[in-house]
Amino acid sequence: MSNALLSPNLTAPWRRRLQATAWLGLGLCLSHAGDSAAQALTHPDAAFVQTGSAHGTRTLTVGLSWDLPYRWQLGPGELRSYLEASYAYWQIQSSDRTGLSHLSQLALVPVLRYRPGDGASPWFFETGLGVTATSSIYRTRQKSFSTSFNFGTHLAVGRSFGEQRRHEIALRLENFSNAGIKHPNPGENFVQIRYVRRF
């Protein structure tokens, strides 16, 4: 992906559209929370690992996800929801010294997943919006966040494969920012590859 696509001038409209879509998804996922949702969260349905980068920062993430009991027919496909929790390790080119620095990130993200073919297609598309907290404020040579609390949004395309479609691979475009809670708020875009193993 070119640096022009990820430049601050071009990402602001994309960020606003993505955040609006993800807020809608978050509302849909949480609007009918009840006993069935609580039961669904008792045991995770999948585990995942992902890696990616953004302007000198590399990430390694592990996490769990839980299927939520919400499904909708949307045109020729099916929309489902799930909740993911993750831990990420970020390796950062330090802003104040030569060499590498790091931080840890915890995230909780409700996600909407769309599958064409009435839900039978191996291909899927996702969007999600959730909350994140980092062990320290993110700073690089180019950017400086002002909060450790941020929102995470993503768009993804992926494919399920293997026996009973228990394996998944996805390409994700993720953005982290504090949505203007405090300035500066430059945001950061990551390109990530995720592997999922369903239980």
Protein backbone atom coordinates (compact mmCIF):
# COMPACT_ATOMS: atom_id res chain seq x y z
CA MET A 1 0.00 0.00 0.00
CA SER A 2 1.46 3.36 -0.98
CA ASN A 3 2.46 6.01 1.53
CA ALA A 4 0.18 8.44 -0.33
CA LEU A 5 -2.86 6.41 0.64
CA LEU A 6 -1.84 6.55 4.28
CA SER A 7 -0.90 10.23 4.31
CA PRO A 8 -2.74 12.49 6.81
CA ASN A 9 -4.40 14.54 4.03
CA LEU A 10 -6.09 11.52 2.47
CA THR A 11 -6.95 9.48 5.55
CA ALA A 12 -9.22 11.97 7.34
CA PRO A 13 -12.33 11.38 5.13
CA TRP A 14 -11.65 7.64 5.14
CA ARG A 15 -11.35 7.66 8.95
CA ARG A 16 -14.65 9.51 9.38
CA ARG A 17 -16.53 7.08 7.11
CA LEU A 18 -14.96 4.05 8.75
CA GLN A 19 -15.71 5.31 12.25
CA ALA A 20 -19.34 6.08 11.34
CA THR A 21 -19.78 2.58 9.91
CA ALA A 22 -18.14 0.96 12.90
CA TRP A 23 -20.23 2.99 15.39
CA LEU A 24 -23.33 1.67 13.62
CA GLY A 25 -22.00 -1.87 13.96
CA LEU A 26 -21.21 -1.37 17.63
CA GLY A 27 -24.74 -0.14 18.26
CA LEU A 28 -26.28 -3.10 16.45
CA CYS A 29 -24.10 -5.60 18.31
CA LEU A 30 -24.86 -4.18 21.74
CA SER A 31 -28.46 -2.99 21.34
CA HIS A 32 -30.00 -6.38 22.13
CA ALA A 33 -27.62 -7.55 24.85
CA GLY A 34 -29.26 -10.04 27.18
CA ASP A 35 -29.02 -13.55 28.61
CA SER A 36 -28.29 -15.18 25.24
CA ALA A 37 -25.35 -12.81 24.68
CA ALA A 38 -24.00 -13.50 28.17
CA GLN A 39 -24.16 -17.25 27.53
CA ALA A 40 -22.38 -16.85 24.22
CA LEU A 41 -19.44 -15.16 25.98
CA THR A 42 -18.85 -18.05 28.40
CA HIS A 43 -16.42 -19.90 26.08
CA PRO A 44 -14.40 -18.41 23.20
CA ASP A 45 -15.21 -19.65 19.70
CA ALA A 46 -11.85 -18.84 18.09
CA ALA A 47 -8.26 -17.73 18.70
CA PHE A 48 -6.19 -15.57 16.41
CA VAL A 49 -2.73 -14.21 15.78
CA GLN A 50 -1.90 -11.28 13.54
CA THR A 51 1.05 -9.18 12.49
CA GLY A 52 1.37 -5.89 10.68
CA SER A 53 3.10 -2.54 10.45
CA ALA A 54 2.73 1.22 10.06
CA HIS A 55 5.53 3.71 9.37
CA GLY A 56 8.28 2.01 11.35
CA THR A 57 6.02 0.38 13.95
CA ARG A 58 5.55 -3.38 13.87
CA THR A 59 2.86 -5.27 15.76
CA LEU A 60 2.23 -8.80 16.94
CA THR A 61 -1.26 -9.50 18.29
CA VAL A 62 -2.94 -12.51 19.90
CA GLY A 63 -6.56 -12.75 20.94
CA LEU A 64 -9.83 -14.59 21.39
CA SER A 65 -13.25 -14.07 19.85
CA TRP A 66 -16.79 -14.96 20.84
CA ASP A 67 -19.68 -15.36 18.39
CA LEU A 68 -22.66 -13.20 19.31
CA PRO A 69 -26.21 -14.53 18.75
CA TYR A 70 -27.19 -11.79 16.28
CA ARG A 71 -27.74 -12.48 12.58
CA TRP A 72 -29.42 -10.47 9.86
CA GLN A 73 -30.19 -11.11 6.21
CA LEU A 74 -28.73 -8.28 4.15
CA GLY A 75 -29.43 -8.51 0.43
CA PRO A 76 -27.85 -11.66 -0.99
CA GLY A 77 -25.78 -12.28 2.12
CA GLU A 78 -25.80 -12.73 5.87
CA LEU A 79 -24.54 -10.34 8.53
CA ARG A 80 -23.23 -11.82 11.79
CA SER A 81 -21.57 -10.35 14.86
CA TYR A 82 -18.79 -11.32 17.21
CA LEU A 83 -16.71 -9.80 19.99
CA GLU A 84 -12.93 -9.96 20.13
CA ALA A 85 -10.43 -9.28 22.91
CA SER A 86 -6.73 -8.97 22.16
CA TYR A 87 -3.27 -8.20 23.46
CA ALA A 88 -0.75 -6.58 21.10
CA TYR A 89 2.96 -5.88 21.36
CA TRP A 90 4.10 -2.84 19.35
CA GLN A 91 7.77 -2.41 18.45
CA ILE A 92 8.33 1.29 17.72
CA GLN A 93 11.15 3.32 16.24
CA SER A 94 11.68 5.68 19.19
CA SER A 95 11.03 9.41 18.77
CA ASP A 96 13.71 10.53 21.21
CA ARG A 97 16.58 8.10 20.70
CA THR A 98 18.12 5.77 18.18
CA GLY A 99 16.86 2.21 18.37
CA LEU A 100 13.61 0.50 19.15
CA SER A 101 11.03 1.09 21.86
CA HIS A 102 7.80 -0.78 22.61
CA LEU A 103 4.39 -0.69 24.23
CA SER A 104 1.53 -3.08 24.97
CA GLN A 105 -2.08 -2.66 23.87
CA LEU A 106 -5.32 -4.22 25.13
CA ALA A 107 -8.41 -4.03 22.93
CA LEU A 108 -12.09 -4.99 23.05
CA VAL A 109 -13.87 -4.76 19.69
CA PRO A 110 -17.40 -5.73 18.56
CA VAL A 111 -17.33 -6.76 14.88
CA LEU A 112 -19.84 -7.18 12.06
CA ARG A 113 -19.07 -9.80 9.42
CA TYR A 114 -20.84 -10.09 6.06
CA ARG A 115 -20.78 -13.28 3.96
CA PRO A 116 -22.30 -13.34 0.45
CA GLY A 117 -24.32 -16.30 -0.84
CA ASP A 118 -26.75 -16.33 2.10
CA GLY A 119 -23.80 -16.84 4.41
CA ALA A 120 -22.44 -19.85 2.50
CA SER A 121 -19.53 -18.12 0.73
CA PRO A 122 -16.00 -18.81 2.01
CA TRP A 123 -15.30 -15.07 1.53
CA PHE A 124 -16.22 -12.48 4.14
CA PHE A 125 -16.00 -8.74 4.77
CA GLU A 126 -15.77 -7.09 8.18
CA THR A 127 -15.93 -3.81 10.01
CA GLY A 128 -15.52 -3.13 13.70
CA LEU A 129 -15.12 -0.40 16.27
CA GLY A 130 -13.89 -0.82 19.82
CA VAL A 131 -11.79 0.58 22.63
CA THR A 132 -8.07 0.21 23.21
CA ALA A 133 -5.62 1.08 25.97
CA THR A 134 -1.85 1.18 25.67
CA SER A 135 0.80 0.88 28.36
CA SER A 136 2.25 4.25 27.33
CA ILE A 137 1.45 7.01 24.86
CA TYR A 138 2.36 6.13 21.27
CA ARG A 139 5.16 8.29 19.88
CA THR A 140 7.30 7.92 16.78
CA ARG A 141 9.62 10.20 14.84
CA GLN A 142 6.64 11.32 12.72
CA LYS A 143 3.67 11.22 15.14
CA SER A 144 2.76 11.74 18.77
CA PHE A 145 -0.53 10.68 20.30
CA SER A 146 -1.91 12.54 23.32
CA THR A 147 -3.80 9.69 25.05
CA SER A 148 -3.25 6.07 25.98
CA PHE A 149 -6.98 5.43 25.51
CA ASN A 150 -7.98 5.24 21.84
CA PHE A 151 -10.60 3.83 19.53
CA GLY A 152 -9.74 1.09 17.08
CA THR A 153 -11.59 0.71 13.78
CA HIS A 154 -10.98 -1.73 10.97
CA LEU A 155 -12.05 -2.94 7.56
CA ALA A 156 -11.13 -6.46 6.50
CA VAL A 157 -11.55 -8.99 3.73
CA GLY A 158 -10.86 -12.66 4.35
CA ARG A 159 -11.49 -16.26 3.40
CA SER A 160 -12.38 -19.36 5.42
CA PHE A 161 -10.87 -22.72 4.48
CA GLY A 162 -10.20 -26.24 5.73
CA GLU A 163 -12.43 -28.78 7.36
CA GLN A 164 -15.70 -27.16 8.49
CA ARG A 165 -14.10 -23.79 7.62
CA ARG A 166 -12.18 -23.81 10.90
CA HIS A 167 -9.30 -21.75 9.48
CA GLU A 168 -9.38 -18.16 8.28
CA ILE A 169 -6.95 -15.70 6.80
CA ALA A 170 -7.76 -11.99 6.52
CA LEU A 171 -6.20 -8.74 5.34
CA ARG A 172 -7.10 -5.87 7.67
CA LEU A 173 -6.74 -2.10 7.47
CA GLU A 174 -6.85 -0.73 11.03
CA ASN A 175 -6.90 2.81 12.39
CA PHE A 176 -6.25 3.92 15.97
CA SER A 177 -7.10 7.42 17.21
CA ASN A 178 -8.82 9.10 20.16
CA ALA A 179 -11.65 10.59 18.02
CA GLY A 180 -10.70 14.11 19.03
CA ILE A 181 -10.89 13.61 22.82
CA LYS A 182 -7.55 15.40 23.14
CA HIS A 183 -5.10 16.94 20.68
CA PRO A 184 -2.83 16.22 18.95
CA ASN A 185 -4.77 13.32 17.44
CA PRO A 186 -2.88 12.26 14.31
CA GLY A 187 -4.15 8.66 14.29
CA GLU A 188 -2.20 5.75 12.87
CA ASN A 189 -3.07 3.29 10.10
CA PHE A 190 -1.85 -0.30 10.18
CA VAL A 191 -1.96 -2.99 7.51
CA GLN A 192 -2.38 -6.37 9.25
CA ILE A 193 -2.56 -10.03 8.30
CA ARG A 194 -4.61 -12.26 10.62
CA TYR A 195 -4.86 -16.03 10.98
CA VAL A 196 -7.85 -17.44 12.89
CA ARG A 197 -8.39 -20.96 14.22
CA ARG A 198 -11.99 -21.72 15.16
CA PHE A 199 -12.61 -24.26 17.93
